[in-house]
């Protein structure tokens, strides 16, 4: 798979994502449901702690990708939902710590929402991956 960043402006790069990417040579796609801060039984974890919830949601995303034979380097699109966008952005260094080593900055949309499906959850991340 080949990735070519498309950035008519550089402001998004400073925030850790590309405006777009041209993907070539991919033969498989994985569409991941939103991953949140839940344990293996679906029970919410880390109430009120945005940072811990982001970290566990990323752990869960990595687990799903691994089961599909991929990792974060394969992610080509992210959708992020947070009940408090400012608090999520304060903790977005976690995103850089996870995606940075893979040297990818997938296009991303971050939306503020009034709540997520399970009460107490603060953060959800969905991904499209390709290989």
C-alpha atoms as a PDB file:
ATOM      1  CA  UNK A   1       0.000   0.000   0.000  1.00  0.00           C
ATOM      2  CA  UNK A   2       1.239   3.476  -0.877  1.00  0.00           C
ATOM      3  CA  UNK A   3       0.143   6.627   0.941  1.00  0.00           C
ATOM      4  CA  UNK A   4       0.557  10.115  -0.485  1.00  0.00           C
ATOM      5  CA  UNK A   5      -0.314  13.009   1.813  1.00  0.00           C
ATOM      6  CA  UNK A   6      -2.413  15.852   0.398  1.00  0.00           C
ATOM      7  CA  UNK A   7      -2.011  19.047   2.420  1.00  0.00           C
ATOM      8  CA  UNK A   8      -2.824  22.305   0.607  1.00  0.00           C
ATOM      9  CA  UNK A   9      -2.195  23.957   4.008  1.00  0.00           C
ATOM     10  CA  UNK A  10       0.145  22.841   6.768  1.00  0.00           C
ATOM     11  CA  UNK A  11      -1.942  23.699   9.842  1.00  0.00           C
ATOM     12  CA  UNK A  12      -3.395  20.184  10.171  1.00  0.00           C
ATOM     13  CA  UNK A  13       0.052  18.590  10.098  1.00  0.00           C
ATOM     14  CA  UNK A  14       0.869  20.547  13.260  1.00  0.00           C
ATOM     15  CA  UNK A  15      -2.206  18.923  14.850  1.00  0.00           C
ATOM     16  CA  UNK A  16      -1.136  15.435  13.771  1.00  0.00           C
ATOM     17  CA  UNK A  17      -3.212  14.659  10.702  1.00  0.00           C
ATOM     18  CA  UNK A  18      -3.231  15.100   6.932  1.00  0.00           C
ATOM     19  CA  UNK A  19      -6.052  16.843   5.088  1.00  0.00           C
ATOM     20  CA  UNK A  20      -6.265  13.845   2.772  1.00  0.00           C
ATOM     21  CA  UNK A  21      -4.275  10.853   1.619  1.00  0.00           C
ATOM     22  CA  UNK A  22      -4.201   9.150  -1.753  1.00  0.00           C
ATOM     23  CA  UNK A  23      -4.100   5.403  -1.116  1.00  0.00           C
ATOM     24  CA  UNK A  24      -2.707   3.160  -3.825  1.00  0.00           C
ATOM     25  CA  UNK A  25      -2.061  -0.543  -4.047  1.00  0.00           C
ATOM     26  CA  UNK A  26      -4.375  -1.537  -1.200  1.00  0.00           C
ATOM     27  CA  UNK A  27      -6.064  -4.915  -1.566  1.00  0.00           C
ATOM     28  CA  UNK A  28      -7.847  -5.229   1.800  1.00  0.00           C
ATOM     29  CA  UNK A  29      -9.913  -2.834   3.895  1.00  0.00           C
ATOM     30  CA  UNK A  30     -11.039  -3.085   7.498  1.00  0.00           C
ATOM     31  CA  UNK A  31     -13.856  -0.874   8.769  1.00  0.00           C
ATOM     32  CA  UNK A  32     -13.689  -0.661  12.568  1.00  0.00           C
ATOM     33  CA  UNK A  33     -16.672   0.169  14.731  1.00  0.00           C
ATOM     34  CA  UNK A  34     -16.180   2.908  17.290  1.00  0.00           C
ATOM     35  CA  UNK A  35     -13.849   1.798  20.075  1.00  0.00           C
ATOM     36  CA  UNK A  36     -14.320   3.134  23.576  1.00  0.00           C
ATOM     37  CA  UNK A  37     -13.050   2.677  27.105  1.00  0.00           C
ATOM     38  CA  UNK A  38     -14.649  -0.692  27.851  1.00  0.00           C
ATOM     39  CA  UNK A  39     -13.251  -3.978  29.088  1.00  0.00           C
ATOM     40  CA  UNK A  40     -13.571  -7.349  27.319  1.00  0.00           C
ATOM     41  CA  UNK A  41     -17.146  -7.642  28.606  1.00  0.00           C
ATOM     42  CA  UNK A  42     -18.215  -4.215  27.371  1.00  0.00           C
ATOM     43  CA  UNK A  43     -18.233  -2.623  30.831  1.00  0.00           C
ATOM     44  CA  UNK A  44     -17.213   1.068  30.849  1.00  0.00           C
ATOM     45  CA  UNK A  45     -13.865   1.826  32.461  1.00  0.00           C
ATOM     46  CA  UNK A  46     -12.242   4.970  33.913  1.00  0.00           C
ATOM     47  CA  UNK A  47     -15.319   7.103  34.675  1.00  0.00           C
ATOM     48  CA  UNK A  48     -14.603  10.822  34.409  1.00  0.00           C
ATOM     49  CA  UNK A  49     -10.996  10.323  33.228  1.00  0.00           C
ATOM     50  CA  UNK A  50     -10.667  11.454  29.601  1.00  0.00           C
ATOM     51  CA  UNK A  51      -6.972  10.573  29.359  1.00  0.00           C
ATOM     52  CA  UNK A  52      -7.457   7.028  30.616  1.00  0.00           C
ATOM     53  CA  UNK A  53     -10.491   6.580  28.360  1.00  0.00           C
ATOM     54  CA  UNK A  54      -8.553   7.722  25.288  1.00  0.00           C
ATOM     55  CA  UNK A  55      -5.725   5.343  26.146  1.00  0.00           C
ATOM     56  CA  UNK A  56      -8.019   2.329  26.576  1.00  0.00           C
ATOM     57  CA  UNK A  57      -9.999   3.185  23.431  1.00  0.00           C
ATOM     58  CA  UNK A  58      -6.704   3.209  21.502  1.00  0.00           C
ATOM     59  CA  UNK A  59      -5.723  -0.115  23.117  1.00  0.00           C
ATOM     60  CA  UNK A  60      -9.047  -1.560  21.973  1.00  0.00           C
ATOM     61  CA  UNK A  61      -8.589  -0.177  18.455  1.00  0.00           C
ATOM     62  CA  UNK A  62      -5.150  -1.755  18.265  1.00  0.00           C
ATOM     63  CA  UNK A  63      -6.591  -5.080  19.444  1.00  0.00           C
ATOM     64  CA  UNK A  64      -9.275  -5.046  16.737  1.00  0.00           C
ATOM     65  CA  UNK A  65      -6.720  -4.141  14.061  1.00  0.00           C
ATOM     66  CA  UNK A  66      -4.325  -6.864  15.237  1.00  0.00           C
ATOM     67  CA  UNK A  67      -7.111  -9.448  15.041  1.00  0.00           C
ATOM     68  CA  UNK A  68      -7.639  -8.320  11.425  1.00  0.00           C
ATOM     69  CA  UNK A  69      -3.908  -8.682  10.682  1.00  0.00           C
ATOM     70  CA  UNK A  70      -3.195  -4.947  10.724  1.00  0.00           C
ATOM     71  CA  UNK A  71      -1.896  -2.238  13.042  1.00  0.00           C
ATOM     72  CA  UNK A  72      -2.074   1.545  13.372  1.00  0.00           C
ATOM     73  CA  UNK A  73       0.204   1.972  10.345  1.00  0.00           C
ATOM     74  CA  UNK A  74      -2.689   0.697   8.220  1.00  0.00           C
ATOM     75  CA  UNK A  75      -5.209   3.301   9.425  1.00  0.00           C
ATOM     76  CA  UNK A  76      -6.248   5.595   6.579  1.00  0.00           C
ATOM     77  CA  UNK A  77      -9.181   7.453   8.210  1.00  0.00           C
ATOM     78  CA  UNK A  78     -10.237   8.273  11.770  1.00  0.00           C
ATOM     79  CA  UNK A  79     -13.505   9.478  13.234  1.00  0.00           C
ATOM     80  CA  UNK A  80     -13.266  10.742  16.797  1.00  0.00           C
ATOM     81  CA  UNK A  81     -16.171  11.633  19.079  1.00  0.00           C
ATOM     82  CA  UNK A  82     -15.788  13.331  22.453  1.00  0.00           C
ATOM     83  CA  UNK A  83     -18.222  14.664  25.008  1.00  0.00           C
ATOM     84  CA  UNK A  84     -15.694  17.437  25.788  1.00  0.00           C
ATOM     85  CA  UNK A  85     -13.606  18.432  22.774  1.00  0.00           C
ATOM     86  CA  UNK A  86     -11.316  20.736  24.763  1.00  0.00           C
ATOM     87  CA  UNK A  87     -10.514  17.991  27.266  1.00  0.00           C
ATOM     88  CA  UNK A  88      -9.935  15.496  24.445  1.00  0.00           C
ATOM     89  CA  UNK A  89      -7.563  17.889  22.679  1.00  0.00           C
ATOM     90  CA  UNK A  90      -5.595  18.394  25.904  1.00  0.00           C
ATOM     91  CA  UNK A  91      -4.900  14.653  25.773  1.00  0.00           C
ATOM     92  CA  UNK A  92      -4.297  14.261  22.043  1.00  0.00           C
ATOM     93  CA  UNK A  93      -0.604  13.726  22.732  1.00  0.00           C
ATOM     94  CA  UNK A  94      -1.737  10.128  23.270  1.00  0.00           C
ATOM     95  CA  UNK A  95      -2.728   9.982  19.603  1.00  0.00           C
ATOM     96  CA  UNK A  96       0.727  11.173  18.581  1.00  0.00           C
ATOM     97  CA  UNK A  97       2.390   8.691  20.916  1.00  0.00           C
ATOM     98  CA  UNK A  98       0.466   5.832  19.291  1.00  0.00           C
ATOM     99  CA  UNK A  99       0.473   6.876  15.618  1.00  0.00           C
ATOM    100  CA  UNK A 100       3.840   8.691  15.562  1.00  0.00           C
ATOM    101  CA  UNK A 101       6.028   5.572  15.751  1.00  0.00           C
ATOM    102  CA  UNK A 102       4.177   4.264  12.683  1.00  0.00           C
ATOM    103  CA  UNK A 103       4.914   7.548  10.856  1.00  0.00           C
ATOM    104  CA  UNK A 104       1.305   7.991   9.764  1.00  0.00           C
ATOM    105  CA  UNK A 105      -1.053  10.934  10.195  1.00  0.00           C
ATOM    106  CA  UNK A 106      -4.392   9.647   8.888  1.00  0.00           C
ATOM    107  CA  UNK A 107      -7.093  12.147   7.940  1.00  0.00           C
ATOM    108  CA  UNK A 108      -9.338  12.663  10.948  1.00  0.00           C
ATOM    109  CA  UNK A 109     -12.603  14.261  11.971  1.00  0.00           C
ATOM    110  CA  UNK A 110     -13.173  15.223  15.617  1.00  0.00           C
ATOM    111  CA  UNK A 111     -16.750  15.871  16.688  1.00  0.00           C
ATOM    112  CA  UNK A 112     -18.165  17.054  19.978  1.00  0.00           C
ATOM    113  CA  UNK A 113     -21.215  15.076  21.047  1.00  0.00           C
ATOM    114  CA  UNK A 114     -23.625  15.432  23.953  1.00  0.00           C
ATOM    115  CA  UNK A 115     -23.160  11.789  24.931  1.00  0.00           C
ATOM    116  CA  UNK A 116     -22.018   8.425  23.652  1.00  0.00           C
ATOM    117  CA  UNK A 117     -24.009   5.182  23.484  1.00  0.00           C
ATOM    118  CA  UNK A 118     -23.022   3.987  26.959  1.00  0.00           C
ATOM    119  CA  UNK A 119     -23.439   6.493  29.807  1.00  0.00           C
ATOM    120  CA  UNK A 120     -20.133   7.546  31.327  1.00  0.00           C
ATOM    121  CA  UNK A 121     -18.100   7.170  28.161  1.00  0.00           C
ATOM    122  CA  UNK A 122     -16.308  10.356  27.099  1.00  0.00           C
ATOM    123  CA  UNK A 123     -14.371   9.314  23.980  1.00  0.00           C
ATOM    124  CA  UNK A 124     -14.894   7.066  20.957  1.00  0.00           C
ATOM    125  CA  UNK A 125     -12.644   6.425  17.963  1.00  0.00           C
ATOM    126  CA  UNK A 126     -13.519   4.647  14.716  1.00  0.00           C
ATOM    127  CA  UNK A 127     -11.077   3.771  11.975  1.00  0.00           C
ATOM    128  CA  UNK A 128     -10.793   2.597   8.410  1.00  0.00           C
ATOM    129  CA  UNK A 129      -7.641   0.629   7.669  1.00  0.00           C
ATOM    130  CA  UNK A 130      -6.191  -0.696   4.433  1.00  0.00           C
ATOM    131  CA  UNK A 131      -3.364  -2.998   3.397  1.00  0.00           C
END
